[in-house]
Amino acid sequence: MEDMIMSEVEHTLEQTWNIIEDLNAEAYDAAWDSWSEVTEAEINGEDDETVEQLREDASDMQHTEFREAFQLLDEDKQKSVLYWEKNDEDFKQQLEQYW
């Protein structure tokens, strides 16, 4: 079974998890300023609505950065991500959270 899977994609499930974890870390770093604004607003006692809006904005930015970084991946890594999204439910759920 493992040989059949590896003939379809170049990366194991574990390797592909690492790919999306790295992408998410890069996306978080790219959205760092927005996340810092959230923390600052919380520390300064901003109202809940303002803090929640800042949090949504930071999250949206991080998701956008993730999707853009995915588009820059090598084709073999993209194929592995898409393959495991279809064939592993836990992986799919995590990818959806990052996407």
PDB file of N, CA and C in Angstrom:
ATOM      1  N   MET A   1       0.834  -1.198   0.000  1.00  0.00           N
ATOM      2  CA  MET A   1       0.000   0.000   0.000  1.00  0.00           C
ATOM      3  C   MET A   1       0.875   1.257   0.000  1.00  0.00           C
ATOM      4  N   GLU A   2       1.868   1.302   0.887  1.00  0.00           N
ATOM      5  CA  GLU A   2       2.761   2.468   0.967  1.00  0.00           C
ATOM      6  C   GLU A   2       3.463   2.713  -0.367  1.00  0.00           C
ATOM      7  N   ASP A   3       3.885   1.633  -1.048  1.00  0.00           N
ATOM      8  CA  ASP A   3       4.528   1.790  -2.352  1.00  0.00           C
ATOM      9  C   ASP A   3       3.574   2.392  -3.370  1.00  0.00           C
ATOM     10  N   MET A   4       2.311   1.987  -3.328  1.00  0.00           N
ATOM     11  CA  MET A   4       1.335   2.537  -4.252  1.00  0.00           C
ATOM     12  C   MET A   4       1.122   4.029  -3.982  1.00  0.00           C
ATOM     13  N   ILE A   5       1.014   4.395  -2.727  1.00  0.00           N
ATOM     14  CA  ILE A   5       0.832   5.801  -2.368  1.00  0.00           C
ATOM     15  C   ILE A   5       2.034   6.616  -2.820  1.00  0.00           C
ATOM     16  N   MET A   6       3.220   6.125  -2.559  1.00  0.00           N
ATOM     17  CA  MET A   6       4.423   6.874  -2.892  1.00  0.00           C
ATOM     18  C   MET A   6       4.630   6.974  -4.399  1.00  0.00           C
ATOM     19  N   SER A   7       4.022   6.074  -5.176  1.00  0.00           N
ATOM     20  CA  SER A   7       4.126   6.216  -6.619  1.00  0.00           C
ATOM     21  C   SER A   7       3.238   7.357  -7.122  1.00  0.00           C
ATOM     22  N   GLU A   8       2.221   7.716  -6.341  1.00  0.00           N
ATOM     23  CA  GLU A   8       1.315   8.791  -6.726  1.00  0.00           C
ATOM     24  C   GLU A   8       1.822  10.158  -6.283  1.00  0.00           C
ATOM     25  N   VAL A   9       2.502  10.214  -5.150  1.00  0.00           N
ATOM     26  CA  VAL A   9       3.020  11.479  -4.623  1.00  0.00           C
ATOM     27  C   VAL A   9       4.454  11.282  -4.166  1.00  0.00           C
ATOM     28  N   GLU A  10       5.188  12.373  -4.137  1.00  0.00           N
ATOM     29  CA  GLU A  10       6.597  12.290  -3.764  1.00  0.00           C
ATOM     30  C   GLU A  10       6.845  12.425  -2.269  1.00  0.00           C
ATOM     31  N   HIS A  11       5.837  12.845  -1.511  1.00  0.00           N
ATOM     32  CA  HIS A  11       6.031  13.119  -0.087  1.00  0.00           C
ATOM     33  C   HIS A  11       5.092  12.270   0.751  1.00  0.00           C
ATOM     34  N   THR A  12       5.631  11.740   1.846  1.00  0.00           N
ATOM     35  CA  THR A  12       4.815  10.984   2.784  1.00  0.00           C
ATOM     36  C   THR A  12       3.840  11.926   3.476  1.00  0.00           C
ATOM     37  N   LEU A  13       2.902  11.357   4.189  1.00  0.00           N
ATOM     38  CA  LEU A  13       1.956  12.159   4.949  1.00  0.00           C
ATOM     39  C   LEU A  13       2.700  13.037   5.954  1.00  0.00           C
ATOM     40  N   GLU A  14       3.658  12.461   6.659  1.00  0.00           N
ATOM     41  CA  GLU A  14       4.423  13.227   7.648  1.00  0.00           C
ATOM     42  C   GLU A  14       5.174  14.380   6.993  1.00  0.00           C
ATOM     43  N   GLN A  15       5.803  14.130   5.876  1.00  0.00           N
ATOM     44  CA  GLN A  15       6.511  15.197   5.166  1.00  0.00           C
ATOM     45  C   GLN A  15       5.550  16.297   4.727  1.00  0.00           C
ATOM     46  N   THR A  16       4.370  15.889   4.301  1.00  0.00           N
ATOM     47  CA  THR A  16       3.386  16.852   3.819  1.00  0.00           C
ATOM     48  C   THR A  16       2.799  17.656   4.977  1.00  0.00           C
ATOM     49  N   TRP A  17       2.635  17.024   6.140  1.00  0.00           N
ATOM     50  CA  TRP A  17       2.249  17.785   7.337  1.00  0.00           C
ATOM     51  C   TRP A  17       3.286  18.873   7.591  1.00  0.00           C
ATOM     52  N   ASN A  18       4.546  18.507   7.488  1.00  0.00           N
ATOM     53  CA  ASN A  18       5.612  19.487   7.719  1.00  0.00           C
ATOM     54  C   ASN A  18       5.537  20.636   6.718  1.00  0.00           C
ATOM     55  N   ILE A  19       5.176  20.331   5.497  1.00  0.00           N
ATOM     56  CA  ILE A  19       5.055  21.373   4.475  1.00  0.00           C
ATOM     57  C   ILE A  19       4.000  22.393   4.883  1.00  0.00           C
ATOM     58  N   ILE A  20       2.815  21.918   5.275  1.00  0.00           N
ATOM     59  CA  ILE A  20       1.764  22.886   5.611  1.00  0.00           C
ATOM     60  C   ILE A  20       2.042  23.585   6.941  1.00  0.00           C
ATOM     61  N   GLU A  21       2.711  22.897   7.866  1.00  0.00           N
ATOM     62  CA  GLU A  21       3.091  23.548   9.125  1.00  0.00           C
ATOM     63  C   GLU A  21       4.078  24.683   8.846  1.00  0.00           C
ATOM     64  N   ASP A  22       5.029  24.430   7.959  1.00  0.00           N
ATOM     65  CA  ASP A  22       5.993  25.472   7.585  1.00  0.00           C
ATOM     66  C   ASP A  22       5.304  26.637   6.888  1.00  0.00           C
ATOM     67  N   LEU A  23       4.368  26.328   5.993  1.00  0.00           N
ATOM     68  CA  LEU A  23       3.621  27.390   5.315  1.00  0.00           C
ATOM     69  C   LEU A  23       2.850  28.235   6.317  1.00  0.00           C
ATOM     70  N   ASN A  24       2.222  27.575   7.295  1.00  0.00           N
ATOM     71  CA  ASN A  24       1.454  28.318   8.284  1.00  0.00           C
ATOM     72  C   ASN A  24       2.360  29.187   9.144  1.00  0.00           C
ATOM     73  N   ALA A  25       3.531  28.681   9.490  1.00  0.00           N
ATOM     74  CA  ALA A  25       4.479  29.484  10.273  1.00  0.00           C
ATOM     75  C   ALA A  25       4.921  30.713   9.475  1.00  0.00           C
ATOM     76  N   GLU A  26       5.175  30.528   8.187  1.00  0.00           N
ATOM     77  CA  GLU A  26       5.543  31.656   7.326  1.00  0.00           C
ATOM     78  C   GLU A  26       4.391  32.657   7.229  1.00  0.00           C
ATOM     79  N   ALA A  27       3.180  32.147   7.114  1.00  0.00           N
ATOM     80  CA  ALA A  27       2.006  33.022   7.019  1.00  0.00           C
ATOM     81  C   ALA A  27       1.814  33.804   8.312  1.00  0.00           C
ATOM     82  N   TYR A  28       2.032  33.136   9.441  1.00  0.00           N
ATOM     83  CA  TYR A  28       1.919  33.817  10.733  1.00  0.00           C
ATOM     84  C   TYR A  28       2.966  34.926  10.835  1.00  0.00           C
ATOM     85  N   ASP A  29       4.189  34.612  10.433  1.00  0.00           N
ATOM     86  CA  ASP A  29       5.253  35.622  10.467  1.00  0.00           C
ATOM     87  C   ASP A  29       4.902  36.820   9.585  1.00  0.00           C
ATOM     88  N   ALA A  30       4.325  36.551   8.424  1.00  0.00           N
ATOM     89  CA  ALA A  30       3.953  37.625   7.508  1.00  0.00           C
ATOM     90  C   ALA A  30       2.835  38.488   8.080  1.00  0.00           C
ATOM     91  N   ALA A  31       1.994  37.885   8.917  1.00  0.00           N
ATOM     92  CA  ALA A  31       0.878  38.611   9.521  1.00  0.00           C
ATOM     93  C   ALA A  31       1.212  39.092  10.935  1.00  0.00           C
ATOM     94  N   TRP A  32       2.474  39.025  11.303  1.00  0.00           N
ATOM     95  CA  TRP A  32       2.899  39.331  12.673  1.00  0.00           C
ATOM     96  C   TRP A  32       2.427  40.702  13.145  1.00  0.00           C
ATOM     97  N   ASP A  33       2.562  41.707  12.310  1.00  0.00           N
ATOM     98  CA  ASP A  33       2.159  43.051  12.714  1.00  0.00           C
ATOM     99  C   ASP A  33       0.675  43.107  13.071  1.00  0.00           C
ATOM    100  N   SER A  34      -0.134  42.409  12.299  1.00  0.00           N
ATOM    101  CA  SER A  34      -1.573  42.379  12.584  1.00  0.00           C
ATOM    102  C   SER A  34      -1.861  41.665  13.899  1.00  0.00           C
ATOM    103  N   TRP A  35      -1.172  40.559  14.141  1.00  0.00           N
ATOM    104  CA  TRP A  35      -1.365  39.849  15.406  1.00  0.00           C
ATOM    105  C   TRP A  35      -0.865  40.693  16.575  1.00  0.00           C
ATOM    106  N   SER A  36       0.177  41.470  16.356  1.00  0.00           N
ATOM    107  CA  SER A  36       0.689  42.361  17.407  1.00  0.00           C
ATOM    108  C   SER A  36      -0.346  43.427  17.759  1.00  0.00           C
ATOM    109  N   GLU A  37      -1.070  43.915  16.754  1.00  0.00           N
ATOM    110  CA  GLU A  37      -2.130  44.893  16.997  1.00  0.00           C
ATOM    111  C   GLU A  37      -3.217  44.299  17.891  1.00  0.00           C
ATOM    112  N   VAL A  38      -3.524  43.030  17.698  1.00  0.00           N
ATOM    113  CA  VAL A  38      -4.517  42.359  18.536  1.00  0.00           C
ATOM    114  C   VAL A  38      -4.047  42.356  19.987  1.00  0.00           C
ATOM    115  N   THR A  39      -2.812  41.943  20.193  1.00  0.00           N
ATOM    116  CA  THR A  39      -2.258  41.889  21.543  1.00  0.00           C
ATOM    117  C   THR A  39      -2.243  43.278  22.182  1.00  0.00           C
ATOM    118  N   GLU A  40      -1.829  44.253  21.420  1.00  0.00           N
ATOM    119  CA  GLU A  40      -1.778  45.625  21.931  1.00  0.00           C
ATOM    120  C   GLU A  40      -3.172  46.118  22.312  1.00  0.00           C
ATOM    121  N   ALA A  41      -4.148  45.826  21.484  1.00  0.00           N
ATOM    122  CA  ALA A  41      -5.523  46.242  21.780  1.00  0.00           C
ATOM    123  C   ALA A  41      -6.035  45.566  23.051  1.00  0.00           C
ATOM    124  N   GLU A  42      -5.695  44.292  23.224  1.00  0.00           N
ATOM    125  CA  GLU A  42      -6.114  43.582  24.441  1.00  0.00           C
ATOM    126  C   GLU A  42      -5.460  44.201  25.669  1.00  0.00           C
ATOM    127  N   ILE A  43      -4.168  44.475  25.581  1.00  0.00           N
ATOM    128  CA  ILE A  43      -3.433  45.065  26.702  1.00  0.00           C
ATOM    129  C   ILE A  43      -3.989  46.450  27.047  1.00  0.00           C
ATOM    130  N   ASN A  44      -4.351  47.213  26.026  1.00  0.00           N
ATOM    131  CA  ASN A  44      -4.854  48.568  26.231  1.00  0.00           C
ATOM    132  C   ASN A  44      -6.325  48.607  26.634  1.00  0.00           C
ATOM    133  N   GLY A  45      -6.946  47.436  26.743  1.00  0.00           N
ATOM    134  CA  GLY A  45      -8.326  47.372  27.203  1.00  0.00           C
ATOM    135  C   GLY A  45      -9.350  47.830  26.182  1.00  0.00           C
ATOM    136  N   GLU A  46      -9.010  47.682  24.897  1.00  0.00           N
ATOM    137  CA  GLU A  46      -9.980  48.022  23.845  1.00  0.00           C
ATOM    138  C   GLU A  46     -11.233  47.165  24.029  1.00  0.00           C
ATOM    139  N   ASP A  47     -12.345  47.667  23.531  1.00  0.00           N
ATOM    140  CA  ASP A  47     -13.598  46.923  23.665  1.00  0.00           C
ATOM    141  C   ASP A  47     -13.516  45.614  22.882  1.00  0.00           C
ATOM    142  N   ASP A  48     -14.347  44.675  23.311  1.00  0.00           N
ATOM    143  CA  ASP A  48     -14.328  43.331  22.725  1.00  0.00           C
ATOM    144  C   ASP A  48     -14.574  43.346  21.227  1.00  0.00           C
ATOM    145  N   GLU A  49     -15.463  44.211  20.778  1.00  0.00           N
ATOM    146  CA  GLU A  49     -15.777  44.271  19.347  1.00  0.00           C
ATOM    147  C   GLU A  49     -14.555  44.690  18.529  1.00  0.00           C
ATOM    148  N   THR A  50     -13.814  45.666  19.028  1.00  0.00           N
ATOM    149  CA  THR A  50     -12.604  46.129  18.336  1.00  0.00           C
ATOM    150  C   THR A  50     -11.557  45.027  18.297  1.00  0.00           C
ATOM    151  N   VAL A  51     -11.357  44.379  19.429  1.00  0.00           N
ATOM    152  CA  VAL A  51     -10.366  43.300  19.505  1.00  0.00           C
ATOM    153  C   VAL A  51     -10.757  42.163  18.565  1.00  0.00           C
ATOM    154  N   GLU A  52     -12.022  41.806  18.556  1.00  0.00           N
ATOM    155  CA  GLU A  52     -12.476  40.717  17.691  1.00  0.00           C
ATOM    156  C   GLU A  52     -12.291  41.076  16.219  1.00  0.00           C
ATOM    157  N   GLN A  53     -12.559  42.319  15.850  1.00  0.00           N
ATOM    158  CA  GLN A  53     -12.367  42.740  14.457  1.00  0.00           C
ATOM    159  C   GLN A  53     -10.891  42.677  14.076  1.00  0.00           C
ATOM    160  N   LEU A  54     -10.024  43.126  14.973  1.00  0.00           N
ATOM    161  CA  LEU A  54      -8.579  43.042  14.708  1.00  0.00           C
ATOM    162  C   LEU A  54      -8.135  41.592  14.568  1.00  0.00           C
ATOM    163  N   ARG A  55      -8.700  40.721  15.414  1.00  0.00           N
ATOM    164  CA  ARG A  55      -8.369  39.290  15.357  1.00  0.00           C
ATOM    165  C   ARG A  55      -8.809  38.695  14.010  1.00  0.00           C
ATOM    166  N   GLU A  56     -10.010  39.048  13.578  1.00  0.00           N
ATOM    167  CA  GLU A  56     -10.499  38.555  12.282  1.00  0.00           C
ATOM    168  C   GLU A  56      -9.622  39.063  11.140  1.00  0.00           C
ATOM    169  N   ASP A  57      -9.221  40.328  11.213  1.00  0.00           N
ATOM    170  CA  ASP A  57      -8.353  40.896  10.176  1.00  0.00           C
ATOM    171  C   ASP A  57      -7.006  40.174  10.127  1.00  0.00           C
ATOM    172  N   ALA A  58      -6.431  39.912  11.296  1.00  0.00           N
ATOM    173  CA  ALA A  58      -5.139  39.218  11.356  1.00  0.00           C
ATOM    174  C   ALA A  58      -5.272  37.798  10.825  1.00  0.00           C
ATOM    175  N   SER A  59      -6.359  37.145  11.201  1.00  0.00           N
ATOM    176  CA  SER A  59      -6.595  35.786  10.734  1.00  0.00           C
ATOM    177  C   SER A  59      -6.770  35.753   9.218  1.00  0.00           C
ATOM    178  N   ASP A  60      -7.554  36.692   8.689  1.00  0.00           N
ATOM    179  CA  ASP A  60      -7.738  36.775   7.237  1.00  0.00           C
ATOM    180  C   ASP A  60      -6.401  36.983   6.527  1.00  0.00           C
ATOM    181  N   MET A  61      -5.576  37.846   7.091  1.00  0.00           N
ATOM    182  CA  MET A  61      -4.276  38.096   6.480  1.00  0.00           C
ATOM    183  C   MET A  61      -3.420  36.829   6.492  1.00  0.00           C
ATOM    184  N   GLN A  62      -3.442  36.119   7.615  1.00  0.00           N
ATOM    185  CA  GLN A  62      -2.660  34.888   7.710  1.00  0.00           C
ATOM    186  C   GLN A  62      -3.158  33.849   6.709  1.00  0.00           C
ATOM    187  N   HIS A  63      -4.465  33.710   6.571  1.00  0.00           N
ATOM    188  CA  HIS A  63      -5.017  32.755   5.594  1.00  0.00           C
ATOM    189  C   HIS A  63      -4.607  33.137   4.173  1.00  0.00           C
ATOM    190  N   THR A  64      -4.660  34.413   3.869  1.00  0.00           N
ATOM    191  CA  THR A  64      -4.268  34.875   2.537  1.00  0.00           C
ATOM    192  C   THR A  64      -2.799  34.581   2.278  1.00  0.00           C
ATOM    193  N   GLU A  65      -1.966  34.858   3.261  1.00  0.00           N
ATOM    194  CA  GLU A  65      -0.533  34.586   3.125  1.00  0.00           C
ATOM    195  C   GLU A  65      -0.281  33.095   2.917  1.00  0.00           C
ATOM    196  N   PHE A  66      -1.030  32.255   3.623  1.00  0.00           N
ATOM    197  CA  PHE A  66      -0.887  30.807   3.472  1.00  0.00           C
ATOM    198  C   PHE A  66      -1.216  30.393   2.036  1.00  0.00           C
ATOM    199  N   ARG A  67      -2.351  30.871   1.538  1.00  0.00           N
ATOM    200  CA  ARG A  67      -2.760  30.506   0.176  1.00  0.00           C
ATOM    201  C   ARG A  67      -1.749  30.988  -0.860  1.00  0.00           C
ATOM    202  N   GLU A  68      -1.232  32.192  -0.666  1.00  0.00           N
ATOM    203  CA  GLU A  68      -0.235  32.712  -1.606  1.00  0.00           C
ATOM    204  C   GLU A  68       1.058  31.894  -1.543  1.00  0.00           C
ATOM    205  N   ALA A  69       1.469  31.514  -0.355  1.00  0.00           N
ATOM    206  CA  ALA A  69       2.675  30.699  -0.212  1.00  0.00           C
ATOM    207  C   ALA A  69       2.476  29.327  -0.845  1.00  0.00           C
ATOM    208  N   PHE A  70       1.269  28.769  -0.707  1.00  0.00           N
ATOM    209  CA  PHE A  70       0.966  27.481  -1.338  1.00  0.00           C
ATOM    210  C   PHE A  70       1.167  27.570  -2.841  1.00  0.00           C
ATOM    211  N   GLN A  71       0.711  28.656  -3.442  1.00  0.00           N
ATOM    212  CA  GLN A  71       0.834  28.822  -4.898  1.00  0.00           C
ATOM    213  C   GLN A  71       2.295  28.872  -5.347  1.00  0.00           C
ATOM    214  N   LEU A  72       3.188  29.232  -4.443  1.00  0.00           N
ATOM    215  CA  LEU A  72       4.616  29.318  -4.775  1.00  0.00           C
ATOM    216  C   LEU A  72       5.368  28.013  -4.545  1.00  0.00           C
ATOM    217  N   LEU A  73       4.697  27.023  -3.961  1.00  0.00           N
ATOM    218  CA  LEU A  73       5.342  25.723  -3.735  1.00  0.00           C
ATOM    219  C   LEU A  73       5.671  25.046  -5.056  1.00  0.00           C
ATOM    220  N   ASP A  74       6.683  24.195  -5.009  1.00  0.00           N
ATOM    221  CA  ASP A  74       6.961  23.345  -6.160  1.00  0.00           C
ATOM    222  C   ASP A  74       5.738  22.484  -6.454  1.00  0.00           C
ATOM    223  N   GLU A  75       5.579  22.137  -7.714  1.00  0.00           N
ATOM    224  CA  GLU A  75       4.417  21.363  -8.136  1.00  0.00           C
ATOM    225  C   GLU A  75       4.301  20.040  -7.380  1.00  0.00           C
ATOM    226  N   ASP A  76       5.426  19.372  -7.119  1.00  0.00           N
ATOM    227  CA  ASP A  76       5.361  18.082  -6.420  1.00  0.00           C
ATOM    228  C   ASP A  76       4.838  18.255  -4.990  1.00  0.00           C
ATOM    229  N   LYS A  77       5.173  19.363  -4.348  1.00  0.00           N
ATOM    230  CA  LYS A  77       4.666  19.613  -2.990  1.00  0.00           C
ATOM    231  C   LYS A  77       3.180  19.946  -3.031  1.00  0.00           C
ATOM    232  N   GLN A  78       2.765  20.733  -4.009  1.00  0.00           N
ATOM    233  CA  GLN A  78       1.342  21.030  -4.154  1.00  0.00           C
ATOM    234  C   GLN A  78       0.547  19.753  -4.378  1.00  0.00           C
ATOM    235  N   LYS A  79       1.055  18.882  -5.243  1.00  0.00           N
ATOM    236  CA  LYS A  79       0.365  17.617  -5.516  1.00  0.00           C
ATOM    237  C   LYS A  79       0.247  16.767  -4.259  1.00  0.00           C
ATOM    238  N   SER A  80       1.308  16.745  -3.461  1.00  0.00           N
ATOM    239  CA  SER A  80       1.270  15.969  -2.220  1.00  0.00           C
ATOM    240  C   SER A  80       0.228  16.531  -1.260  1.00  0.00           C
ATOM    241  N   VAL A  81       0.182  17.843  -1.133  1.00  0.00           N
ATOM    242  CA  VAL A  81      -0.811  18.463  -0.257  1.00  0.00           C
ATOM    243  C   VAL A  81      -2.221  18.109  -0.729  1.00  0.00           C
ATOM    244  N   LEU A  82      -2.474  18.239  -2.004  1.00  0.00           N
ATOM    245  CA  LEU A  82      -3.807  17.945  -2.533  1.00  0.00           C
ATOM    246  C   LEU A  82      -4.150  16.463  -2.419  1.00  0.00           C
ATOM    247  N   TYR A  83      -3.148  15.607  -2.616  1.00  0.00           N
ATOM    248  CA  TYR A  83      -3.373  14.166  -2.483  1.00  0.00           C
ATOM    249  C   TYR A  83      -3.785  13.822  -1.048  1.00  0.00           C
ATOM    250  N   TRP A  84      -3.001  14.308  -0.071  1.00  0.00           N
ATOM    251  CA  TRP A  84      -3.284  13.956   1.319  1.00  0.00           C
ATOM    252  C   TRP A  84      -4.558  14.626   1.823  1.00  0.00           C
ATOM    253  N   GLU A  85      -4.901  15.771   1.239  1.00  0.00           N
ATOM    254  CA  GLU A  85      -6.171  16.401   1.595  1.00  0.00           C
ATOM    255  C   GLU A  85      -7.331  15.458   1.256  1.00  0.00           C
ATOM    256  N   LYS A  86      -7.219  14.752   0.155  1.00  0.00           N
ATOM    257  CA  LYS A  86      -8.280  13.840  -0.282  1.00  0.00           C
ATOM    258  C   LYS A  86      -8.234  12.492   0.434  1.00  0.00           C
ATOM    259  N   ASN A  87      -7.072  12.140   0.995  1.00  0.00           N
ATOM    260  CA  ASN A  87      -6.896  10.777   1.504  1.00  0.00           C
ATOM    261  C   ASN A  87      -6.640  10.665   2.999  1.00  0.00           C
ATOM    262  N   ASP A  88      -6.637  11.780   3.707  1.00  0.00           N
ATOM    263  CA  ASP A  88      -6.447  11.724   5.160  1.00  0.00           C
ATOM    264  C   ASP A  88      -7.322  12.806   5.785  1.00  0.00           C
ATOM    265  N   GLU A  89      -8.305  12.387   6.537  1.00  0.00           N
ATOM    266  CA  GLU A  89      -9.298  13.316   7.095  1.00  0.00           C
ATOM    267  C   GLU A  89      -8.670  14.307   8.074  1.00  0.00           C
ATOM    268  N   ASP A  90      -7.758  13.863   8.925  1.00  0.00           N
ATOM    269  CA  ASP A  90      -7.110  14.778   9.871  1.00  0.00           C
ATOM    270  C   ASP A  90      -6.306  15.849   9.131  1.00  0.00           C
ATOM    271  N   PHE A  91      -5.597  15.427   8.113  1.00  0.00           N
ATOM    272  CA  PHE A  91      -4.821  16.366   7.314  1.00  0.00           C
ATOM    273  C   PHE A  91      -5.755  17.378   6.646  1.00  0.00           C
ATOM    274  N   LYS A  92      -6.846  16.884   6.099  1.00  0.00           N
ATOM    275  CA  LYS A  92      -7.818  17.751   5.432  1.00  0.00           C
ATOM    276  C   LYS A  92      -8.356  18.811   6.391  1.00  0.00           C
ATOM    277  N   GLN A  93      -8.703  18.403   7.595  1.00  0.00           N
ATOM    278  CA  GLN A  93      -9.250  19.343   8.570  1.00  0.00           C
ATOM    279  C   GLN A  93      -8.226  20.413   8.944  1.00  0.00           C
ATOM    280  N   GLN A  94      -6.974  20.015   9.106  1.00  0.00           N
ATOM    281  CA  GLN A  94      -5.938  20.996   9.444  1.00  0.00           C
ATOM    282  C   GLN A  94      -5.702  21.954   8.290  1.00  0.00           C
ATOM    283  N   LEU A  95      -5.644  21.425   7.093  1.00  0.00           N
ATOM    284  CA  LEU A  95      -5.447  22.269   5.921  1.00  0.00           C
ATOM    285  C   LEU A  95      -6.573  23.292   5.782  1.00  0.00           C
ATOM    286  N   GLU A  96      -7.805  22.852   6.036  1.00  0.00           N
ATOM    287  CA  GLU A  96      -8.940  23.765   5.959  1.00  0.00           C
ATOM    288  C   GLU A  96      -8.823  24.888   6.986  1.00  0.00           C
ATOM    289  N   GLN A  97      -8.280  24.607   8.141  1.00  0.00           N
ATOM    290  CA  GLN A  97      -8.094  25.650   9.144  1.00  0.00           C
ATOM    291  C   GLN A  97      -7.051  26.673   8.692  1.00  0.00           C
ATOM    292  N   TYR A  98      -6.018  26.200   8.028  1.00  0.00           N
ATOM    293  CA  TYR A  98      -4.975  27.110   7.553  1.00  0.00           C
ATOM    294  C   TYR A  98      -5.416  27.883   6.319  1.00  0.00           C
ATOM    295  N   TRP A  99      -6.209  27.253   5.467  1.00  0.00           N
ATOM    296  CA  TRP A  99      -6.589  27.816   4.186  1.00  0.00           C
ATOM    297  C   TRP A  99      -7.481  29.027   4.391  1.00  0.00           C
TER     298      TRP A  99
END
